[in-house]
Structure formats: C-alpha cells, structure tokens
Amino acid sequence: MALEWVVLGYAAAAEAIMVLLLTLPGLDGLRKGLIAVTRNLLKPFLSVVPFCLFLLMDIYWKYETRPTCESDSCTPSEYLRHQKSIMKSQRNALLIAAALVFYWLLYSVTHLVVKVEQLNQRVERLKNRD
C-alpha cells in the first residue's frame, strides 16, 4: 500500500505547486501557459477524488479490523506497533484531506484566474473602442 500513498503525496504536491504558481504575483508572462497547463490537468487530477475515497475506505477497514491493545493484554512491543499503526492512519487521513483540499483550491483558483483574464480582455476591448 505504500505506493498508493506516494502517488497521492506527489499528486497533492503537484496541486500545491500549481496553486502557488497561479497565485504568485509577477508571473504575468508565464500566466497564460500556466493557465493552459492547469486547465488541461484538472480533468486527470479529478481521479484523485475516487482514489482518496478508496484510500479512506482502506483506513477505515484497517481501523475496524485492527486488534485492540489494552495496557494489560499486550506486550510493550505490541503496544508500540499499535500506536505506530494509529499514527500512520492519522497521517494518511491528513494526506487525503490535503489532496482533496488542494484539488478544490486548484479548481477554484484556476476558474477565478480564467475569469479575471476574460474580464481584463473585455476591459481592453472597451478601452480600444473608445
């Protein structure tokens, strides 16, 4: 299962970098290319949503089938392994949430940047008309 988490981590990082590049001021020369690339990648990145749901179900299944480890019934090494498993599940759930939030941000920011670009073009046409 480690490969799935690596893929999700890379997808979340790519989304975060694209959001950052779209929102940085001073990149007006690159903005049109960034917008085109981002708009073309939004549809493939939508596959992150069902992938995250699948991984969330995996976390839930592991949580439900995990053996309980009470302080009296297990050895210290078993208790440590149990705690590590809980920490990994929490980390993975945080990664899922980050990937979904970054996709939503990327979609929203791209939509807003395209809208601003269209409005700027309309303003320029109105200025040229007068």
Protein backbone atom coordinates (compact mmCIF):
# COMPACT_ATOMS: atom_id res chain seq x y z
CA MET A 1 0.00 0.00 0.00
CA ALA A 2 2.99 2.33 0.27
CA LEU A 3 2.98 3.06 -3.46
CA GLU A 4 -0.56 4.44 -3.31
CA TRP A 5 0.42 6.89 -0.59
CA VAL A 6 3.48 8.00 -2.53
CA VAL A 7 1.34 8.63 -5.62
CA LEU A 8 -1.19 10.58 -3.56
CA GLY A 9 1.60 12.60 -1.94
CA TYR A 10 3.05 13.51 -5.34
CA ALA A 11 -0.39 14.46 -6.66
CA ALA A 12 -1.03 16.69 -3.64
CA ALA A 13 2.41 18.29 -4.03
CA ALA A 14 1.82 18.93 -7.74
CA GLU A 15 -1.55 20.51 -6.97
CA ALA A 16 0.00 22.69 -4.27
CA ILE A 17 2.78 23.85 -6.60
CA MET A 18 0.31 24.71 -9.35
CA VAL A 19 -1.86 26.70 -6.92
CA LEU A 20 1.24 28.52 -5.72
CA LEU A 21 2.39 29.33 -9.26
CA LEU A 22 -1.06 30.58 -10.26
CA THR A 23 -1.32 32.88 -7.26
CA LEU A 24 2.22 34.31 -7.22
CA PRO A 25 2.36 37.91 -8.40
CA GLY A 26 4.84 38.88 -11.08
CA LEU A 27 4.44 35.83 -13.30
CA ASP A 28 2.27 37.60 -15.87
CA GLY A 29 4.44 36.44 -18.76
CA LEU A 30 4.04 32.80 -17.77
CA ARG A 31 0.46 33.03 -16.58
CA LYS A 32 -1.18 32.12 -19.92
CA GLY A 33 0.94 29.00 -20.22
CA LEU A 34 0.32 28.09 -16.59
CA ILE A 35 -3.42 28.54 -17.06
CA ALA A 36 -3.41 26.33 -20.16
CA VAL A 37 -1.40 23.59 -18.45
CA THR A 38 -3.52 23.73 -15.31
CA ARG A 39 -6.80 23.63 -17.22
CA ASN A 40 -5.58 20.58 -19.13
CA LEU A 41 -4.53 18.84 -15.90
CA LEU A 42 -7.74 19.49 -13.96
CA LYS A 43 -9.60 16.60 -15.57
CA PRO A 44 -6.89 13.97 -14.96
CA PHE A 45 -6.43 15.26 -11.40
CA LEU A 46 -10.13 14.66 -10.78
CA SER A 47 -9.20 10.99 -10.43
CA VAL A 48 -7.69 11.98 -7.07
CA VAL A 49 -11.20 12.15 -5.60
CA PRO A 50 -12.21 8.47 -6.06
CA PHE A 51 -8.64 7.43 -5.25
CA CYS A 52 -8.88 9.30 -1.94
CA LEU A 53 -12.23 7.67 -1.22
CA PHE A 54 -10.70 4.26 -1.86
CA LEU A 55 -7.78 5.01 0.47
CA LEU A 56 -10.16 6.35 3.09
CA MET A 57 -12.10 3.10 2.96
CA ASP A 58 -8.78 1.26 3.36
CA ILE A 59 -8.01 3.27 6.50
CA TYR A 60 -11.49 2.55 7.85
CA TRP A 61 -11.17 -1.19 7.13
CA LYS A 62 -7.78 -1.34 8.85
CA TYR A 63 -9.21 0.56 11.81
CA GLU A 64 -12.15 -1.82 12.15
CA THR A 65 -10.08 -4.99 11.83
CA ARG A 66 -7.16 -3.81 14.00
CA PRO A 67 -6.73 -5.91 17.12
CA THR A 68 -7.27 -3.91 20.27
CA CYS A 69 -4.33 -3.45 22.54
CA GLU A 70 -5.20 -2.71 26.12
CA SER A 71 -2.46 -1.88 28.60
CA ASP A 72 -2.84 -5.23 30.43
CA SER A 73 -3.32 -7.52 27.46
CA CYS A 74 -0.30 -6.78 25.26
CA THR A 75 3.45 -6.52 25.45
CA PRO A 76 5.26 -3.18 25.12
CA SER A 77 6.35 -4.03 21.56
CA GLU A 78 2.77 -4.86 20.56
CA TYR A 79 1.59 -1.63 22.18
CA LEU A 80 4.23 0.34 20.26
CA ARG A 81 3.23 -1.33 16.99
CA HIS A 82 -0.41 -0.50 17.74
CA GLN A 83 0.45 3.16 18.39
CA LYS A 84 2.53 3.36 15.18
CA SER A 85 -0.40 1.96 13.23
CA ILE A 86 -2.70 4.63 14.66
CA MET A 87 -0.18 7.37 13.83
CA LYS A 88 0.18 6.12 10.25
CA SER A 89 -3.60 6.08 9.81
CA GLN A 90 -3.87 9.64 11.08
CA ARG A 91 -1.03 10.79 8.80
CA ASN A 92 -2.65 9.12 5.81
CA ALA A 93 -6.03 10.68 6.59
CA LEU A 94 -4.33 14.07 6.74
CA LEU A 95 -2.74 13.39 3.34
CA ILE A 96 -6.14 12.50 1.90
CA ALA A 97 -7.63 15.72 3.26
CA ALA A 98 -4.71 17.76 1.88
CA ALA A 99 -5.03 16.23 -1.58
CA LEU A 100 -8.76 16.92 -1.71
CA VAL A 101 -8.39 20.49 -0.42
CA PHE A 102 -5.58 21.24 -2.86
CA TYR A 103 -7.66 19.90 -5.76
CA TRP A 104 -10.57 22.10 -4.73
CA LEU A 105 -8.25 25.10 -4.38
CA LEU A 106 -6.65 24.41 -7.76
CA TYR A 107 -10.05 24.17 -9.43
CA SER A 108 -11.32 27.36 -7.75
CA VAL A 109 -8.18 29.40 -8.36
CA THR A 110 -7.98 28.30 -11.99
CA HIS A 111 -11.61 29.25 -12.52
CA LEU A 112 -11.03 32.66 -10.92
CA VAL A 113 -7.83 33.35 -12.87
CA VAL A 114 -9.56 32.47 -16.15
CA LYS A 115 -12.47 34.74 -15.23
CA VAL A 116 -10.11 37.62 -14.37
CA GLU A 117 -8.26 37.09 -17.65
CA GLN A 118 -11.53 37.22 -19.60
CA LEU A 119 -12.60 40.38 -17.77
CA ASN A 120 -9.24 42.02 -18.49
CA GLN A 121 -9.68 41.24 -22.18
CA ARG A 122 -13.16 42.79 -22.13
CA VAL A 123 -11.80 45.92 -20.43
CA GLU A 124 -9.06 46.21 -23.07
CA ARG A 125 -11.62 45.88 -25.88
CA LEU A 126 -13.78 48.57 -24.27
CA LYS A 127 -10.76 50.87 -23.91
CA ASN A 128 -9.80 50.32 -27.54
CA ARG A 129 -13.36 51.02 -28.67
CA ASP A 130 -13.39 54.48 -27.08
